[in-house]
């Protein structure tokens, strides 16, 4: 009788532990995700800032609320001289498509809470920010 109670107790504890490991919101898994995001941002930031094309400079990557934020500068844009909603309307569908379809973005779709991109003007003022989540795909 004592052995069967002990066995049930041990099985119950193991089942609880197994369920915690599968829970993406468990403390352990959230800590692992955060650590992975920190490592990824560190790798990305080693070579930054970097000119991506003649209009865009990748400034840095940051970990924000269990997601990643990429910060870009549009080096020829001044927020007071350009139509920012028009620029955002051009960028948003392309970025959303990349986020939802590129294999290189799979980690952010499946593991991270969000993928955010902030665009700055040539003086470093924020133009707009796009926050993408898997539910948008």
C-alpha atoms as a PDB file:
ATOM      1  CA  UNK A   1       0.000   0.000   0.000  1.00  0.00           C
ATOM      2  CA  UNK A   2       2.800   2.428   0.950  1.00  0.00           C
ATOM      3  CA  UNK A   3       4.716   1.531  -2.222  1.00  0.00           C
ATOM      4  CA  UNK A   4       1.692   2.206  -4.451  1.00  0.00           C
ATOM      5  CA  UNK A   5       1.087   5.603  -2.804  1.00  0.00           C
ATOM      6  CA  UNK A   6       4.759   6.437  -3.247  1.00  0.00           C
ATOM      7  CA  UNK A   7       4.613   5.312  -6.906  1.00  0.00           C
ATOM      8  CA  UNK A   8       1.523   7.455  -7.575  1.00  0.00           C
ATOM      9  CA  UNK A   9       3.203  10.434  -5.919  1.00  0.00           C
ATOM     10  CA  UNK A  10       6.397  10.029  -7.968  1.00  0.00           C
ATOM     11  CA  UNK A  11       4.443   9.582 -11.227  1.00  0.00           C
ATOM     12  CA  UNK A  12       2.363  12.666 -10.382  1.00  0.00           C
ATOM     13  CA  UNK A  13       5.457  14.778  -9.723  1.00  0.00           C
ATOM     14  CA  UNK A  14       7.083  13.605 -12.959  1.00  0.00           C
ATOM     15  CA  UNK A  15       3.895  14.355 -14.900  1.00  0.00           C
ATOM     16  CA  UNK A  16       3.777  17.869 -13.471  1.00  0.00           C
ATOM     17  CA  UNK A  17       7.422  18.448 -14.365  1.00  0.00           C
ATOM     18  CA  UNK A  18       6.902  17.089 -17.887  1.00  0.00           C
ATOM     19  CA  UNK A  19       3.898  19.375 -18.391  1.00  0.00           C
ATOM     20  CA  UNK A  20       5.922  22.389 -17.220  1.00  0.00           C
ATOM     21  CA  UNK A  21       8.640  21.626 -19.763  1.00  0.00           C
ATOM     22  CA  UNK A  22       6.051  21.561 -22.577  1.00  0.00           C
ATOM     23  CA  UNK A  23       4.398  24.786 -21.429  1.00  0.00           C
ATOM     24  CA  UNK A  24       5.892  27.618 -23.513  1.00  0.00           C
ATOM     25  CA  UNK A  25       4.982  30.060 -20.741  1.00  0.00           C
ATOM     26  CA  UNK A  26       6.709  28.178 -17.936  1.00  0.00           C
ATOM     27  CA  UNK A  27       9.410  30.132 -16.132  1.00  0.00           C
ATOM     28  CA  UNK A  28      12.136  27.803 -17.424  1.00  0.00           C
ATOM     29  CA  UNK A  29      11.021  28.094 -21.045  1.00  0.00           C
ATOM     30  CA  UNK A  30      10.564  31.880 -20.786  1.00  0.00           C
ATOM     31  CA  UNK A  31      14.063  32.190 -19.343  1.00  0.00           C
ATOM     32  CA  UNK A  32      15.459  30.004 -22.139  1.00  0.00           C
ATOM     33  CA  UNK A  33      13.661  32.139 -24.736  1.00  0.00           C
ATOM     34  CA  UNK A  34      14.972  35.348 -23.200  1.00  0.00           C
ATOM     35  CA  UNK A  35      18.524  33.966 -23.133  1.00  0.00           C
ATOM     36  CA  UNK A  36      18.255  32.880 -26.768  1.00  0.00           C
ATOM     37  CA  UNK A  37      17.000  36.325 -27.784  1.00  0.00           C
ATOM     38  CA  UNK A  38      19.867  37.992 -25.883  1.00  0.00           C
ATOM     39  CA  UNK A  39      22.376  35.734 -27.650  1.00  0.00           C
ATOM     40  CA  UNK A  40      20.841  36.467 -31.069  1.00  0.00           C
ATOM     41  CA  UNK A  41      20.857  40.211 -30.473  1.00  0.00           C
ATOM     42  CA  UNK A  42      24.508  40.027 -29.376  1.00  0.00           C
ATOM     43  CA  UNK A  43      25.478  38.198 -32.553  1.00  0.00           C
ATOM     44  CA  UNK A  44      23.564  40.671 -34.723  1.00  0.00           C
ATOM     45  CA  UNK A  45      24.973  43.727 -32.976  1.00  0.00           C
ATOM     46  CA  UNK A  46      28.615  42.716 -33.456  1.00  0.00           C
ATOM     47  CA  UNK A  47      28.784  44.230 -36.946  1.00  0.00           C
ATOM     48  CA  UNK A  48      26.360  47.138 -36.480  1.00  0.00           C
ATOM     49  CA  UNK A  49      25.557  49.756 -37.507  1.00  0.00           C
ATOM     50  CA  UNK A  50      25.730  48.582 -41.099  1.00  0.00           C
ATOM     51  CA  UNK A  51      24.455  50.078 -44.341  1.00  0.00           C
ATOM     52  CA  UNK A  52      21.986  47.583 -45.845  1.00  0.00           C
ATOM     53  CA  UNK A  53      21.398  49.527 -49.051  1.00  0.00           C
ATOM     54  CA  UNK A  54      21.806  53.148 -50.115  1.00  0.00           C
ATOM     55  CA  UNK A  55      18.689  54.142 -48.117  1.00  0.00           C
ATOM     56  CA  UNK A  56      18.724  51.890 -45.038  1.00  0.00           C
ATOM     57  CA  UNK A  57      21.131  51.394 -42.169  1.00  0.00           C
ATOM     58  CA  UNK A  58      20.641  48.584 -39.629  1.00  0.00           C
ATOM     59  CA  UNK A  59      21.385  50.264 -36.279  1.00  0.00           C
ATOM     60  CA  UNK A  60      20.872  47.553 -33.673  1.00  0.00           C
ATOM     61  CA  UNK A  61      18.776  44.657 -32.394  1.00  0.00           C
ATOM     62  CA  UNK A  62      17.160  44.757 -28.948  1.00  0.00           C
ATOM     63  CA  UNK A  63      15.293  42.271 -26.802  1.00  0.00           C
ATOM     64  CA  UNK A  64      11.939  43.677 -25.709  1.00  0.00           C
ATOM     65  CA  UNK A  65       9.265  41.756 -23.760  1.00  0.00           C
ATOM     66  CA  UNK A  66      10.257  38.273 -25.014  1.00  0.00           C
ATOM     67  CA  UNK A  67      10.477  39.516 -28.574  1.00  0.00           C
ATOM     68  CA  UNK A  68      13.053  41.126 -30.822  1.00  0.00           C
ATOM     69  CA  UNK A  69      13.156  44.709 -32.072  1.00  0.00           C
ATOM     70  CA  UNK A  70      15.272  45.661 -35.067  1.00  0.00           C
ATOM     71  CA  UNK A  71      16.053  49.346 -35.443  1.00  0.00           C
ATOM     72  CA  UNK A  72      16.744  50.797 -38.877  1.00  0.00           C
ATOM     73  CA  UNK A  73      17.530  54.326 -40.032  1.00  0.00           C
ATOM     74  CA  UNK A  74      16.260  55.615 -43.348  1.00  0.00           C
ATOM     75  CA  UNK A  75      19.351  57.689 -44.099  1.00  0.00           C
ATOM     76  CA  UNK A  76      17.751  59.958 -46.729  1.00  0.00           C
ATOM     77  CA  UNK A  77      14.485  60.599 -44.887  1.00  0.00           C
ATOM     78  CA  UNK A  78      13.671  63.545 -42.654  1.00  0.00           C
ATOM     79  CA  UNK A  79      10.425  63.180 -40.732  1.00  0.00           C
ATOM     80  CA  UNK A  80       9.498  66.815 -41.410  1.00  0.00           C
ATOM     81  CA  UNK A  81      10.078  66.651 -45.157  1.00  0.00           C
ATOM     82  CA  UNK A  82       8.577  63.268 -46.085  1.00  0.00           C
ATOM     83  CA  UNK A  83       5.149  61.649 -45.999  1.00  0.00           C
ATOM     84  CA  UNK A  84       5.688  59.097 -43.232  1.00  0.00           C
ATOM     85  CA  UNK A  85       2.293  57.301 -43.588  1.00  0.00           C
ATOM     86  CA  UNK A  86       3.108  56.756 -47.263  1.00  0.00           C
ATOM     87  CA  UNK A  87       6.515  55.274 -46.423  1.00  0.00           C
ATOM     88  CA  UNK A  88       4.925  53.017 -43.799  1.00  0.00           C
ATOM     89  CA  UNK A  89       2.266  51.907 -46.291  1.00  0.00           C
ATOM     90  CA  UNK A  90       5.052  50.824 -48.666  1.00  0.00           C
ATOM     91  CA  UNK A  91       7.142  49.040 -46.050  1.00  0.00           C
ATOM     92  CA  UNK A  92       4.482  47.284 -43.958  1.00  0.00           C
ATOM     93  CA  UNK A  93       3.133  44.736 -46.502  1.00  0.00           C
ATOM     94  CA  UNK A  94       6.638  43.740 -47.608  1.00  0.00           C
ATOM     95  CA  UNK A  95       7.864  43.358 -44.043  1.00  0.00           C
ATOM     96  CA  UNK A  96       4.775  41.379 -43.046  1.00  0.00           C
ATOM     97  CA  UNK A  97       5.276  39.063 -46.010  1.00  0.00           C
ATOM     98  CA  UNK A  98       8.930  38.535 -45.089  1.00  0.00           C
ATOM     99  CA  UNK A  99       8.040  37.841 -41.467  1.00  0.00           C
ATOM    100  CA  UNK A 100       5.323  35.351 -42.408  1.00  0.00           C
ATOM    101  CA  UNK A 101       7.158  33.463 -45.151  1.00  0.00           C
ATOM    102  CA  UNK A 102      10.937  33.599 -44.820  1.00  0.00           C
ATOM    103  CA  UNK A 103      12.572  30.582 -43.221  1.00  0.00           C
ATOM    104  CA  UNK A 104      15.061  32.883 -41.504  1.00  0.00           C
ATOM    105  CA  UNK A 105      12.141  34.436 -39.583  1.00  0.00           C
ATOM    106  CA  UNK A 106      10.723  31.074 -38.424  1.00  0.00           C
ATOM    107  CA  UNK A 107      12.271  31.391 -34.961  1.00  0.00           C
ATOM    108  CA  UNK A 108      10.486  34.695 -34.374  1.00  0.00           C
ATOM    109  CA  UNK A 109       7.177  33.295 -35.635  1.00  0.00           C
ATOM    110  CA  UNK A 110       7.327  30.121 -33.543  1.00  0.00           C
ATOM    111  CA  UNK A 111       9.246  31.085 -30.404  1.00  0.00           C
ATOM    112  CA  UNK A 112       9.227  34.841 -29.758  1.00  0.00           C
ATOM    113  CA  UNK A 113       6.171  36.814 -28.682  1.00  0.00           C
ATOM    114  CA  UNK A 114       6.698  39.387 -31.420  1.00  0.00           C
ATOM    115  CA  UNK A 115       9.063  40.803 -33.991  1.00  0.00           C
ATOM    116  CA  UNK A 116       9.162  44.580 -34.070  1.00  0.00           C
ATOM    117  CA  UNK A 117      10.866  46.913 -36.487  1.00  0.00           C
ATOM    118  CA  UNK A 118      11.393  50.573 -35.658  1.00  0.00           C
ATOM    119  CA  UNK A 119      12.333  53.024 -38.375  1.00  0.00           C
ATOM    120  CA  UNK A 120      14.238  56.206 -37.593  1.00  0.00           C
ATOM    121  CA  UNK A 121      14.927  59.218 -39.787  1.00  0.00           C
ATOM    122  CA  UNK A 122      18.428  60.460 -40.584  1.00  0.00           C
ATOM    123  CA  UNK A 123      18.545  62.435 -37.312  1.00  0.00           C
ATOM    124  CA  UNK A 124      17.475  59.431 -35.200  1.00  0.00           C
ATOM    125  CA  UNK A 125      13.855  60.510 -34.635  1.00  0.00           C
ATOM    126  CA  UNK A 126      11.292  57.689 -34.723  1.00  0.00           C
ATOM    127  CA  UNK A 127       9.274  57.567 -37.936  1.00  0.00           C
ATOM    128  CA  UNK A 128       7.123  54.507 -37.171  1.00  0.00           C
ATOM    129  CA  UNK A 129       7.216  51.074 -35.609  1.00  0.00           C
ATOM    130  CA  UNK A 130       5.713  47.828 -36.877  1.00  0.00           C
ATOM    131  CA  UNK A 131       4.988  45.030 -34.421  1.00  0.00           C
ATOM    132  CA  UNK A 132       4.398  41.629 -36.018  1.00  0.00           C
ATOM    133  CA  UNK A 133       3.014  38.537 -34.315  1.00  0.00           C
ATOM    134  CA  UNK A 134       2.273  35.025 -35.606  1.00  0.00           C
ATOM    135  CA  UNK A 135      -1.451  35.788 -35.576  1.00  0.00           C
ATOM    136  CA  UNK A 136      -0.871  38.188 -38.495  1.00  0.00           C
ATOM    137  CA  UNK A 137       0.299  35.381 -40.772  1.00  0.00           C
END
